[in-house]
């Protein structure tokens, strides 16, 4: 009987691992990974362009100096050394930016803040338990539509302010404080009978709900504006593309346009 139970438990554990891998292969986690790769590739491209410009400036300066006075072999090697140092420094700085993803800065524009937050939760995901990872995946799935609406809204908009505080302060602080709790204490239950892991999942679910509400509210505003514009065009130009009745009444008749003899 014990052997059968062990086999069943191993089969369940294997199934859980497979389903988790499948979840990560498709769906929000895979979408978040693709967006992160795009951001890293864009950052690498900017770094390479910066390196190329810096190296070109160094050699242009060496060429100008060479026209004035010969730089010789020593000057050539100095220019080569300066190019290598600048390239290494810029590439190293760009590489450090891709290793860790700090929480979004509070002074970022709306669209840039959503991108930074997306990168942050993607990097923080691996350090959280599976139930919390699923909540982060759900949050990540909301971010593309949230960015599309937020980047057209002023940073002082009340909805934008709520989303910005959540992305730059509250949720990163939650993840940081969870990481500070020793692993051995995360299974202990508090006065309400809940563990640290359960509290984390509840808080992430609340954050997901809040960001979803902000995204829906901003989308409804856009939908209402579109509906108003559509009704205006319909009332002005009519169903058949001609002027509406109100405009037709105001337009002069052919007799009025004809000059009297």
C-alpha atoms as a PDB file:
ATOM      1  CA  UNK A   1       0.000   0.000   0.000  1.00  0.00           C
ATOM      2  CA  UNK A   2       2.865   2.340   0.833  1.00  0.00           C
ATOM      3  CA  UNK A   3       4.485   1.695  -2.553  1.00  0.00           C
ATOM      4  CA  UNK A   4       1.238   2.553  -4.326  1.00  0.00           C
ATOM      5  CA  UNK A   5       0.891   5.768  -2.323  1.00  0.00           C
ATOM      6  CA  UNK A   6       4.466   6.759  -3.123  1.00  0.00           C
ATOM      7  CA  UNK A   7       3.902   6.131  -6.823  1.00  0.00           C
ATOM      8  CA  UNK A   8       0.740   8.221  -6.780  1.00  0.00           C
ATOM      9  CA  UNK A   9       2.506  11.072  -4.989  1.00  0.00           C
ATOM     10  CA  UNK A  10       5.416  10.936  -7.444  1.00  0.00           C
ATOM     11  CA  UNK A  11       3.003  10.939 -10.360  1.00  0.00           C
ATOM     12  CA  UNK A  12       1.162  13.959  -8.939  1.00  0.00           C
ATOM     13  CA  UNK A  13       4.431  15.793  -8.328  1.00  0.00           C
ATOM     14  CA  UNK A  14       5.561  15.016 -11.879  1.00  0.00           C
ATOM     15  CA  UNK A  15       2.231  16.223 -13.243  1.00  0.00           C
ATOM     16  CA  UNK A  16       2.538  19.464 -11.251  1.00  0.00           C
ATOM     17  CA  UNK A  17       6.023  20.059 -12.669  1.00  0.00           C
ATOM     18  CA  UNK A  18       4.859  19.405 -16.219  1.00  0.00           C
ATOM     19  CA  UNK A  19       1.807  21.652 -15.929  1.00  0.00           C
ATOM     20  CA  UNK A  20       3.915  24.401 -14.388  1.00  0.00           C
ATOM     21  CA  UNK A  21       6.373  24.152 -17.286  1.00  0.00           C
ATOM     22  CA  UNK A  22       3.490  24.280 -19.746  1.00  0.00           C
ATOM     23  CA  UNK A  23       2.039  27.298 -17.972  1.00  0.00           C
ATOM     24  CA  UNK A  24       5.378  29.032 -18.245  1.00  0.00           C
ATOM     25  CA  UNK A  25       5.773  28.035 -21.890  1.00  0.00           C
ATOM     26  CA  UNK A  26       2.457  29.578 -22.942  1.00  0.00           C
ATOM     27  CA  UNK A  27       0.269  32.316 -21.603  1.00  0.00           C
ATOM     28  CA  UNK A  28       1.098  35.418 -19.545  1.00  0.00           C
ATOM     29  CA  UNK A  29       4.491  34.173 -18.346  1.00  0.00           C
ATOM     30  CA  UNK A  30       5.653  33.583 -21.920  1.00  0.00           C
ATOM     31  CA  UNK A  31       4.265  36.956 -23.007  1.00  0.00           C
ATOM     32  CA  UNK A  32       6.134  38.650 -20.158  1.00  0.00           C
ATOM     33  CA  UNK A  33       9.340  36.844 -21.144  1.00  0.00           C
ATOM     34  CA  UNK A  34       8.957  38.007 -24.748  1.00  0.00           C
ATOM     35  CA  UNK A  35       8.425  41.617 -23.665  1.00  0.00           C
ATOM     36  CA  UNK A  36      11.481  41.402 -21.410  1.00  0.00           C
ATOM     37  CA  UNK A  37      13.602  40.088 -24.291  1.00  0.00           C
ATOM     38  CA  UNK A  38      12.403  42.939 -26.473  1.00  0.00           C
ATOM     39  CA  UNK A  39      13.350  45.453 -23.798  1.00  0.00           C
ATOM     40  CA  UNK A  40      16.782  43.878 -23.329  1.00  0.00           C
ATOM     41  CA  UNK A  41      17.410  43.812 -27.079  1.00  0.00           C
ATOM     42  CA  UNK A  42      16.379  47.452 -27.367  1.00  0.00           C
ATOM     43  CA  UNK A  43      18.680  48.378 -24.479  1.00  0.00           C
ATOM     44  CA  UNK A  44      21.561  46.451 -26.026  1.00  0.00           C
ATOM     45  CA  UNK A  45      21.012  48.203 -29.340  1.00  0.00           C
ATOM     46  CA  UNK A  46      21.122  51.613 -27.668  1.00  0.00           C
ATOM     47  CA  UNK A  47      24.297  50.649 -25.792  1.00  0.00           C
ATOM     48  CA  UNK A  48      26.044  49.476 -28.962  1.00  0.00           C
ATOM     49  CA  UNK A  49      25.048  52.688 -30.740  1.00  0.00           C
ATOM     50  CA  UNK A  50      26.427  54.739 -27.842  1.00  0.00           C
ATOM     51  CA  UNK A  51      29.687  52.783 -27.923  1.00  0.00           C
ATOM     52  CA  UNK A  52      30.006  53.273 -31.670  1.00  0.00           C
ATOM     53  CA  UNK A  53      29.447  57.026 -31.360  1.00  0.00           C
ATOM     54  CA  UNK A  54      31.934  57.348 -28.497  1.00  0.00           C
ATOM     55  CA  UNK A  55      34.625  55.362 -30.326  1.00  0.00           C
ATOM     56  CA  UNK A  56      34.040  57.364 -33.509  1.00  0.00           C
ATOM     57  CA  UNK A  57      34.463  60.625 -31.566  1.00  0.00           C
ATOM     58  CA  UNK A  58      37.724  59.376 -30.070  1.00  0.00           C
ATOM     59  CA  UNK A  59      39.151  58.511 -33.489  1.00  0.00           C
ATOM     60  CA  UNK A  60      37.884  61.746 -34.984  1.00  0.00           C
ATOM     61  CA  UNK A  61      39.693  63.639 -32.230  1.00  0.00           C
ATOM     62  CA  UNK A  62      42.824  61.576 -32.893  1.00  0.00           C
ATOM     63  CA  UNK A  63      42.550  62.388 -36.609  1.00  0.00           C
ATOM     64  CA  UNK A  64      42.197  66.121 -35.928  1.00  0.00           C
ATOM     65  CA  UNK A  65      45.213  66.044 -33.632  1.00  0.00           C
ATOM     66  CA  UNK A  66      47.103  64.071 -36.295  1.00  0.00           C
ATOM     67  CA  UNK A  67      46.513  66.829 -38.836  1.00  0.00           C
ATOM     68  CA  UNK A  68      47.989  69.363 -36.442  1.00  0.00           C
ATOM     69  CA  UNK A  69      50.895  67.316 -35.186  1.00  0.00           C
ATOM     70  CA  UNK A  70      51.905  63.695 -35.844  1.00  0.00           C
ATOM     71  CA  UNK A  71      50.675  61.418 -33.074  1.00  0.00           C
ATOM     72  CA  UNK A  72      52.952  58.529 -33.951  1.00  0.00           C
ATOM     73  CA  UNK A  73      52.664  54.971 -32.746  1.00  0.00           C
ATOM     74  CA  UNK A  74      52.222  56.060 -29.129  1.00  0.00           C
ATOM     75  CA  UNK A  75      49.294  58.294 -30.004  1.00  0.00           C
ATOM     76  CA  UNK A  76      47.719  55.499 -32.057  1.00  0.00           C
ATOM     77  CA  UNK A  77      47.933  53.076 -29.135  1.00  0.00           C
ATOM     78  CA  UNK A  78      46.600  55.718 -26.733  1.00  0.00           C
ATOM     79  CA  UNK A  79      43.573  56.249 -28.977  1.00  0.00           C
ATOM     80  CA  UNK A  80      43.116  52.488 -29.215  1.00  0.00           C
ATOM     81  CA  UNK A  81      43.357  52.165 -25.420  1.00  0.00           C
ATOM     82  CA  UNK A  82      40.881  54.993 -24.879  1.00  0.00           C
ATOM     83  CA  UNK A  83      38.435  53.341 -27.280  1.00  0.00           C
ATOM     84  CA  UNK A  84      38.740  50.020 -25.445  1.00  0.00           C
ATOM     85  CA  UNK A  85      38.234  51.648 -22.024  1.00  0.00           C
ATOM     86  CA  UNK A  86      35.186  53.629 -23.146  1.00  0.00           C
ATOM     87  CA  UNK A  87      33.637  50.606 -24.867  1.00  0.00           C
ATOM     88  CA  UNK A  88      34.213  48.387 -21.834  1.00  0.00           C
ATOM     89  CA  UNK A  89      32.778  50.988 -19.484  1.00  0.00           C
ATOM     90  CA  UNK A  90      29.622  51.572 -21.526  1.00  0.00           C
ATOM     91  CA  UNK A  91      29.020  47.885 -22.149  1.00  0.00           C
ATOM     92  CA  UNK A  92      29.596  47.101 -18.482  1.00  0.00           C
ATOM     93  CA  UNK A  93      27.135  49.750 -17.389  1.00  0.00           C
ATOM     94  CA  UNK A  94      24.557  48.502 -19.880  1.00  0.00           C
ATOM     95  CA  UNK A  95      25.106  44.911 -18.759  1.00  0.00           C
ATOM     96  CA  UNK A  96      24.527  45.790 -15.099  1.00  0.00           C
ATOM     97  CA  UNK A  97      21.219  47.354 -16.014  1.00  0.00           C
ATOM     98  CA  UNK A  98      20.015  44.081 -17.499  1.00  0.00           C
ATOM     99  CA  UNK A  99      21.080  41.902 -14.575  1.00  0.00           C
ATOM    100  CA  UNK A 100      18.748  43.454 -12.018  1.00  0.00           C
ATOM    101  CA  UNK A 101      15.482  45.272 -12.472  1.00  0.00           C
ATOM    102  CA  UNK A 102      14.905  47.860  -9.740  1.00  0.00           C
ATOM    103  CA  UNK A 103      11.386  49.032  -8.944  1.00  0.00           C
ATOM    104  CA  UNK A 104      10.062  51.817 -11.157  1.00  0.00           C
ATOM    105  CA  UNK A 105      11.139  55.315 -10.238  1.00  0.00           C
ATOM    106  CA  UNK A 106       8.327  57.628  -9.173  1.00  0.00           C
ATOM    107  CA  UNK A 107       9.319  60.295 -11.715  1.00  0.00           C
ATOM    108  CA  UNK A 108       8.995  58.105 -14.822  1.00  0.00           C
ATOM    109  CA  UNK A 109       6.330  58.861 -17.447  1.00  0.00           C
ATOM    110  CA  UNK A 110       3.297  56.593 -17.390  1.00  0.00           C
ATOM    111  CA  UNK A 111       4.305  54.374 -20.303  1.00  0.00           C
ATOM    112  CA  UNK A 112       7.908  53.996 -19.146  1.00  0.00           C
ATOM    113  CA  UNK A 113       6.716  53.180 -15.629  1.00  0.00           C
ATOM    114  CA  UNK A 114       4.541  50.320 -16.898  1.00  0.00           C
ATOM    115  CA  UNK A 115       7.507  48.929 -18.855  1.00  0.00           C
ATOM    116  CA  UNK A 116       9.811  49.141 -15.835  1.00  0.00           C
ATOM    117  CA  UNK A 117       7.180  47.565 -13.595  1.00  0.00           C
ATOM    118  CA  UNK A 118       6.654  44.757 -16.103  1.00  0.00           C
ATOM    119  CA  UNK A 119      10.381  44.062 -16.071  1.00  0.00           C
ATOM    120  CA  UNK A 120      10.483  44.248 -12.285  1.00  0.00           C
ATOM    121  CA  UNK A 121       7.747  41.681 -11.659  1.00  0.00           C
ATOM    122  CA  UNK A 122       9.202  39.412 -14.341  1.00  0.00           C
ATOM    123  CA  UNK A 123      12.529  39.392 -12.475  1.00  0.00           C
ATOM    124  CA  UNK A 124      10.883  39.097  -9.048  1.00  0.00           C
ATOM    125  CA  UNK A 125       8.668  36.195 -10.130  1.00  0.00           C
ATOM    126  CA  UNK A 126      11.255  33.439  -9.715  1.00  0.00           C
ATOM    127  CA  UNK A 127      11.776  34.231  -5.997  1.00  0.00           C
ATOM    128  CA  UNK A 128       8.085  33.803  -5.116  1.00  0.00           C
ATOM    129  CA  UNK A 129       6.058  30.618  -4.460  1.00  0.00           C
ATOM    130  CA  UNK A 130       3.995  29.172  -7.359  1.00  0.00           C
ATOM    131  CA  UNK A 131       0.615  30.607  -6.211  1.00  0.00           C
ATOM    132  CA  UNK A 132       2.167  34.076  -6.050  1.00  0.00           C
ATOM    133  CA  UNK A 133       3.777  33.526  -9.458  1.00  0.00           C
ATOM    134  CA  UNK A 134       0.341  32.879 -10.941  1.00  0.00           C
ATOM    135  CA  UNK A 135      -0.887  36.172  -9.495  1.00  0.00           C
ATOM    136  CA  UNK A 136       2.097  37.987 -10.996  1.00  0.00           C
ATOM    137  CA  UNK A 137       1.311  36.338 -14.327  1.00  0.00           C
ATOM    138  CA  UNK A 138      -2.242  37.678 -14.068  1.00  0.00           C
ATOM    139  CA  UNK A 139      -0.882  41.151 -13.301  1.00  0.00           C
ATOM    140  CA  UNK A 140       1.499  40.889 -16.240  1.00  0.00           C
ATOM    141  CA  UNK A 141      -1.396  40.035 -18.562  1.00  0.00           C
ATOM    142  CA  UNK A 142      -3.095  43.336 -17.641  1.00  0.00           C
ATOM    143  CA  UNK A 143      -0.060  45.522 -18.322  1.00  0.00           C
ATOM    144  CA  UNK A 144      -0.127  45.780 -22.156  1.00  0.00           C
ATOM    145  CA  UNK A 145      -3.644  47.257 -22.220  1.00  0.00           C
ATOM    146  CA  UNK A 146      -2.874  49.347 -19.130  1.00  0.00           C
ATOM    147  CA  UNK A 147       0.166  50.853 -20.852  1.00  0.00           C
ATOM    148  CA  UNK A 148      -1.843  51.621 -23.981  1.00  0.00           C
ATOM    149  CA  UNK A 149      -4.319  53.681 -21.970  1.00  0.00           C
ATOM    150  CA  UNK A 150      -1.985  55.134 -19.341  1.00  0.00           C
ATOM    151  CA  UNK A 151       0.556  56.567 -21.776  1.00  0.00           C
ATOM    152  CA  UNK A 152      -2.168  58.824 -23.196  1.00  0.00           C
ATOM    153  CA  UNK A 153      -3.198  60.064 -19.732  1.00  0.00           C
ATOM    154  CA  UNK A 154      -1.577  62.821 -17.714  1.00  0.00           C
ATOM    155  CA  UNK A 155       0.453  61.664 -14.721  1.00  0.00           C
ATOM    156  CA  UNK A 156      -1.757  63.756 -12.420  1.00  0.00           C
ATOM    157  CA  UNK A 157      -4.918  61.919 -13.471  1.00  0.00           C
ATOM    158  CA  UNK A 158      -6.439  60.248 -10.352  1.00  0.00           C
ATOM    159  CA  UNK A 159      -6.572  56.824 -12.009  1.00  0.00           C
ATOM    160  CA  UNK A 160      -2.983  57.191 -13.185  1.00  0.00           C
ATOM    161  CA  UNK A 161      -1.876  58.246  -9.715  1.00  0.00           C
ATOM    162  CA  UNK A 162      -3.437  55.143  -8.134  1.00  0.00           C
ATOM    163  CA  UNK A 163      -1.749  52.865 -10.662  1.00  0.00           C
ATOM    164  CA  UNK A 164       1.593  54.669 -10.348  1.00  0.00           C
ATOM    165  CA  UNK A 165       1.648  54.388  -6.536  1.00  0.00           C
ATOM    166  CA  UNK A 166       0.837  50.700  -6.742  1.00  0.00           C
ATOM    167  CA  UNK A 167       3.532  49.976  -9.341  1.00  0.00           C
ATOM    168  CA  UNK A 168       6.312  52.145  -7.904  1.00  0.00           C
ATOM    169  CA  UNK A 169       5.745  51.898  -4.146  1.00  0.00           C
ATOM    170  CA  UNK A 170       3.193  49.492  -2.719  1.00  0.00           C
ATOM    171  CA  UNK A 171       3.765  46.296  -4.686  1.00  0.00           C
ATOM    172  CA  UNK A 172       7.600  46.514  -4.777  1.00  0.00           C
ATOM    173  CA  UNK A 173       7.560  47.156  -1.029  1.00  0.00           C
ATOM    174  CA  UNK A 174       5.338  44.093  -0.549  1.00  0.00           C
ATOM    175  CA  UNK A 175       7.771  41.878  -2.483  1.00  0.00           C
ATOM    176  CA  UNK A 176      10.748  43.339  -0.619  1.00  0.00           C
ATOM    177  CA  UNK A 177       9.208  42.724   2.783  1.00  0.00           C
ATOM    178  CA  UNK A 178       8.243  39.197   1.805  1.00  0.00           C
ATOM    179  CA  UNK A 179      11.849  38.517   0.795  1.00  0.00           C
ATOM    180  CA  UNK A 180      13.014  39.763   4.209  1.00  0.00           C
ATOM    181  CA  UNK A 181      10.992  37.088   6.023  1.00  0.00           C
ATOM    182  CA  UNK A 182      13.169  34.006   6.684  1.00  0.00           C
ATOM    183  CA  UNK A 183      11.967  30.942   4.774  1.00  0.00           C
ATOM    184  CA  UNK A 184      11.451  28.943   7.964  1.00  0.00           C
ATOM    185  CA  UNK A 185       8.877  31.454   9.229  1.00  0.00           C
ATOM    186  CA  UNK A 186       6.777  31.704   6.080  1.00  0.00           C
ATOM    187  CA  UNK A 187       4.680  28.677   7.021  1.00  0.00           C
ATOM    188  CA  UNK A 188       3.775  29.969  10.475  1.00  0.00           C
ATOM    189  CA  UNK A 189       0.196  31.182  10.869  1.00  0.00           C
ATOM    190  CA  UNK A 190      -0.663  34.568  12.274  1.00  0.00           C
ATOM    191  CA  UNK A 191      -3.566  35.589  14.500  1.00  0.00           C
ATOM    192  CA  UNK A 192      -6.020  35.133  11.636  1.00  0.00           C
ATOM    193  CA  UNK A 193      -4.686  31.687  10.775  1.00  0.00           C
ATOM    194  CA  UNK A 194      -2.906  32.736   7.585  1.00  0.00           C
ATOM    195  CA  UNK A 195       0.682  32.191   6.531  1.00  0.00           C
ATOM    196  CA  UNK A 196       3.028  34.724   4.980  1.00  0.00           C
ATOM    197  CA  UNK A 197       2.643  33.005   1.608  1.00  0.00           C
ATOM    198  CA  UNK A 198      -1.148  33.235   1.827  1.00  0.00           C
ATOM    199  CA  UNK A 199      -0.948  36.916   2.736  1.00  0.00           C
ATOM    200  CA  UNK A 200       1.317  37.486  -0.252  1.00  0.00           C
ATOM    201  CA  UNK A 201      -1.112  35.815  -2.644  1.00  0.00           C
ATOM    202  CA  UNK A 202      -4.048  37.809  -1.257  1.00  0.00           C
ATOM    203  CA  UNK A 203      -2.158  41.077  -1.583  1.00  0.00           C
ATOM    204  CA  UNK A 204      -1.068  40.319  -5.141  1.00  0.00           C
ATOM    205  CA  UNK A 205      -4.645  39.410  -6.043  1.00  0.00           C
ATOM    206  CA  UNK A 206      -5.807  42.764  -4.653  1.00  0.00           C
ATOM    207  CA  UNK A 207      -3.123  44.548  -6.680  1.00  0.00           C
ATOM    208  CA  UNK A 208      -4.195  42.695  -9.820  1.00  0.00           C
ATOM    209  CA  UNK A 209      -7.820  43.665  -9.209  1.00  0.00           C
ATOM    210  CA  UNK A 210      -6.870  47.319  -8.676  1.00  0.00           C
ATOM    211  CA  UNK A 211      -4.803  47.524 -11.881  1.00  0.00           C
ATOM    212  CA  UNK A 212      -7.568  45.764 -13.814  1.00  0.00           C
ATOM    213  CA  UNK A 213     -10.106  48.292 -12.523  1.00  0.00           C
ATOM    214  CA  UNK A 214      -7.879  51.211 -13.554  1.00  0.00           C
ATOM    215  CA  UNK A 215      -7.383  49.721 -17.018  1.00  0.00           C
ATOM    216  CA  UNK A 216     -11.120  49.145 -17.442  1.00  0.00           C
ATOM    217  CA  UNK A 217     -12.020  52.625 -16.231  1.00  0.00           C
ATOM    218  CA  UNK A 218      -9.603  54.301 -18.632  1.00  0.00           C
ATOM    219  CA  UNK A 219     -10.767  52.054 -21.472  1.00  0.00           C
ATOM    220  CA  UNK A 220     -14.389  52.973 -20.747  1.00  0.00           C
ATOM    221  CA  UNK A 221     -13.456  56.656 -20.975  1.00  0.00           C
ATOM    222  CA  UNK A 222     -11.936  56.034 -24.404  1.00  0.00           C
ATOM    223  CA  UNK A 223     -14.984  54.035 -25.460  1.00  0.00           C
ATOM    224  CA  UNK A 224     -17.309  56.816 -24.302  1.00  0.00           C
ATOM    225  CA  UNK A 225     -15.276  59.408 -26.204  1.00  0.00           C
ATOM    226  CA  UNK A 226     -15.407  57.250 -29.340  1.00  0.00           C
ATOM    227  CA  UNK A 227     -19.159  56.761 -28.974  1.00  0.00           C
ATOM    228  CA  UNK A 228     -19.689  60.511 -28.577  1.00  0.00           C
ATOM    229  CA  UNK A 229     -17.619  61.221 -31.691  1.00  0.00           C
ATOM    230  CA  UNK A 230     -19.525  58.574 -33.642  1.00  0.00           C
ATOM    231  CA  UNK A 231     -22.891  60.009 -32.647  1.00  0.00           C
ATOM    232  CA  UNK A 232     -21.740  63.487 -33.609  1.00  0.00           C
ATOM    233  CA  UNK A 233     -20.670  62.343 -37.084  1.00  0.00           C
ATOM    234  CA  UNK A 234     -23.902  60.406 -37.571  1.00  0.00           C
ATOM    235  CA  UNK A 235     -26.079  63.343 -36.510  1.00  0.00           C
ATOM    236  CA  UNK A 236     -24.129  65.763 -38.682  1.00  0.00           C
ATOM    237  CA  UNK A 237     -23.768  63.763 -41.859  1.00  0.00           C
ATOM    238  CA  UNK A 238     -26.623  61.274 -41.685  1.00  0.00           C
ATOM    239  CA  UNK A 239     -26.775  57.544 -42.242  1.00  0.00           C
ATOM    240  CA  UNK A 240     -26.159  57.747 -46.003  1.00  0.00           C
ATOM    241  CA  UNK A 241     -23.134  59.997 -45.797  1.00  0.00           C
ATOM    242  CA  UNK A 242     -25.173  63.108 -46.710  1.00  0.00           C
ATOM    243  CA  UNK A 243     -25.746  66.116 -44.534  1.00  0.00           C
ATOM    244  CA  UNK A 244     -28.127  65.554 -41.670  1.00  0.00           C
ATOM    245  CA  UNK A 245     -31.568  67.169 -41.596  1.00  0.00           C
ATOM    246  CA  UNK A 246     -30.443  69.985 -39.306  1.00  0.00           C
ATOM    247  CA  UNK A 247     -27.578  70.919 -41.646  1.00  0.00           C
ATOM    248  CA  UNK A 248     -29.765  70.486 -44.726  1.00  0.00           C
ATOM    249  CA  UNK A 249     -32.255  72.969 -43.310  1.00  0.00           C
ATOM    250  CA  UNK A 250     -29.471  75.476 -42.691  1.00  0.00           C
ATOM    251  CA  UNK A 251     -27.907  75.013 -46.161  1.00  0.00           C
ATOM    252  CA  UNK A 252     -29.161  77.441 -48.858  1.00  0.00           C
ATOM    253  CA  UNK A 253     -31.543  76.159 -51.492  1.00  0.00           C
ATOM    254  CA  UNK A 254     -30.639  76.352 -55.207  1.00  0.00           C
ATOM    255  CA  UNK A 255     -33.111  79.191 -55.667  1.00  0.00           C
ATOM    256  CA  UNK A 256     -31.473  81.184 -52.906  1.00  0.00           C
ATOM    257  CA  UNK A 257     -28.087  80.710 -54.564  1.00  0.00           C
ATOM    258  CA  UNK A 258     -29.390  81.807 -57.980  1.00  0.00           C
ATOM    259  CA  UNK A 259     -29.018  85.545 -58.432  1.00  0.00           C
ATOM    260  CA  UNK A 260     -32.156  87.354 -59.348  1.00  0.00           C
ATOM    261  CA  UNK A 261     -32.334  88.803 -62.802  1.00  0.00           C
END
